[in-house]
Amino acid sequence: MLTINVAVLLAVVVFFRLRRRTQARSRVEERTTALIVLLLGILIAPTPVGQGIGDFLEQLAQGVTQGSQ
């Protein structure tokens, strides 16, 4: 039985879509890519990897705000 993780599939799609040159993209294609990236973020967020990334970004933001005071 073959199972495909949707988040991994979307990550591969995003990788190949972002490899193209920016000048070759239309507005519709840019919006589609943005939507796919948003969906990828929603799928990754509740996972342990997503939680770890979120915790790291939270600590980074706190360090930046404390450092600028």
C-alpha atoms as a PDB file:
ATOM      1  CA  MET A   1       0.000   0.000   0.000  1.00  0.00           C
ATOM      2  CA  LEU A   2       1.371   3.395  -1.012  1.00  0.00           C
ATOM      3  CA  THR A   3       0.603   6.439   1.109  1.00  0.00           C
ATOM      4  CA  ILE A   4       1.452   9.995   0.171  1.00  0.00           C
ATOM      5  CA  ASN A   5       1.826  12.713   2.765  1.00  0.00           C
ATOM      6  CA  VAL A   6      -0.052  15.730   1.404  1.00  0.00           C
ATOM      7  CA  ALA A   7       2.337  18.175   3.092  1.00  0.00           C
ATOM      8  CA  VAL A   8       5.338  16.549   1.415  1.00  0.00           C
ATOM      9  CA  LEU A   9       3.567  16.570  -1.936  1.00  0.00           C
ATOM     10  CA  LEU A  10       2.737  20.280  -1.564  1.00  0.00           C
ATOM     11  CA  ALA A  11       6.339  21.011  -0.539  1.00  0.00           C
ATOM     12  CA  VAL A  12       7.565  19.371  -3.752  1.00  0.00           C
ATOM     13  CA  VAL A  13       5.034  21.355  -5.808  1.00  0.00           C
ATOM     14  CA  VAL A  14       6.123  24.609  -4.143  1.00  0.00           C
ATOM     15  CA  PHE A  15       9.787  23.791  -4.747  1.00  0.00           C
ATOM     16  CA  PHE A  16       9.265  23.274  -8.476  1.00  0.00           C
ATOM     17  CA  ARG A  17       6.965  26.298  -8.822  1.00  0.00           C
ATOM     18  CA  LEU A  18       9.496  28.593  -7.128  1.00  0.00           C
ATOM     19  CA  ARG A  19      12.377  27.356  -9.289  1.00  0.00           C
ATOM     20  CA  ARG A  20      10.930  29.190 -12.288  1.00  0.00           C
ATOM     21  CA  ARG A  21      12.107  32.690 -13.071  1.00  0.00           C
ATOM     22  CA  THR A  22       9.994  35.472 -11.600  1.00  0.00           C
ATOM     23  CA  GLN A  23       9.603  37.228 -14.964  1.00  0.00           C
ATOM     24  CA  ALA A  24       7.951  34.131 -16.441  1.00  0.00           C
ATOM     25  CA  ARG A  25       5.092  34.100 -13.912  1.00  0.00           C
ATOM     26  CA  SER A  26       1.670  35.577 -14.452  1.00  0.00           C
ATOM     27  CA  ARG A  27      -0.437  37.090 -11.665  1.00  0.00           C
ATOM     28  CA  VAL A  28      -2.699  34.051 -11.624  1.00  0.00           C
ATOM     29  CA  GLU A  29       0.306  31.777 -11.272  1.00  0.00           C
ATOM     30  CA  GLU A  30       1.695  33.890  -8.416  1.00  0.00           C
ATOM     31  CA  ARG A  31      -1.656  33.773  -6.605  1.00  0.00           C
ATOM     32  CA  THR A  32      -1.858  30.018  -7.098  1.00  0.00           C
ATOM     33  CA  THR A  33       1.629  29.594  -5.663  1.00  0.00           C
ATOM     34  CA  ALA A  34       0.713  31.783  -2.686  1.00  0.00           C
ATOM     35  CA  LEU A  35      -2.396  29.677  -2.059  1.00  0.00           C
ATOM     36  CA  ILE A  36      -0.396  26.437  -2.233  1.00  0.00           C
ATOM     37  CA  VAL A  37       2.179  27.837   0.220  1.00  0.00           C
ATOM     38  CA  LEU A  38      -0.642  28.875   2.583  1.00  0.00           C
ATOM     39  CA  LEU A  39      -2.134  25.376   2.427  1.00  0.00           C
ATOM     40  CA  LEU A  40       1.300  23.887   3.087  1.00  0.00           C
ATOM     41  CA  GLY A  41       1.654  26.080   6.158  1.00  0.00           C
ATOM     42  CA  ILE A  42      -1.760  25.011   7.428  1.00  0.00           C
ATOM     43  CA  LEU A  43      -0.851  21.342   6.989  1.00  0.00           C
ATOM     44  CA  ILE A  44       2.556  21.685   8.644  1.00  0.00           C
ATOM     45  CA  ALA A  45       1.460  23.860  11.592  1.00  0.00           C
ATOM     46  CA  PRO A  46      -0.166  21.154  13.790  1.00  0.00           C
ATOM     47  CA  THR A  47       2.695  18.680  13.317  1.00  0.00           C
ATOM     48  CA  PRO A  48       5.649  18.404  15.727  1.00  0.00           C
ATOM     49  CA  VAL A  49       7.914  19.896  13.048  1.00  0.00           C
ATOM     50  CA  GLY A  50       5.544  22.825  12.622  1.00  0.00           C
ATOM     51  CA  GLN A  51       5.339  23.338  16.378  1.00  0.00           C
ATOM     52  CA  GLY A  52       9.138  23.321  16.597  1.00  0.00           C
ATOM     53  CA  ILE A  53       9.425  25.904  13.821  1.00  0.00           C
ATOM     54  CA  GLY A  54       6.782  28.031  15.531  1.00  0.00           C
ATOM     55  CA  ASP A  55       8.587  27.835  18.877  1.00  0.00           C
ATOM     56  CA  PHE A  56      11.883  28.756  17.222  1.00  0.00           C
ATOM     57  CA  LEU A  57      10.338  31.761  15.449  1.00  0.00           C
ATOM     58  CA  GLU A  58       8.665  32.859  18.687  1.00  0.00           C
ATOM     59  CA  GLN A  59      11.983  32.755  20.553  1.00  0.00           C
ATOM     60  CA  LEU A  60      13.693  34.584  17.701  1.00  0.00           C
ATOM     61  CA  ALA A  61      11.038  37.322  17.726  1.00  0.00           C
ATOM     62  CA  GLN A  62      11.311  37.691  21.508  1.00  0.00           C
ATOM     63  CA  GLY A  63      15.090  37.981  21.244  1.00  0.00           C
ATOM     64  CA  VAL A  64      14.826  40.654  18.571  1.00  0.00           C
ATOM     65  CA  THR A  65      12.267  42.692  20.519  1.00  0.00           C
ATOM     66  CA  GLN A  66      14.264  42.425  23.754  1.00  0.00           C
ATOM     67  CA  GLY A  67      17.485  43.315  21.967  1.00  0.00           C
ATOM     68  CA  SER A  68      16.003  46.493  20.471  1.00  0.00           C
ATOM     69  CA  GLN A  69      14.824  47.851  23.842  1.00  0.00           C
END
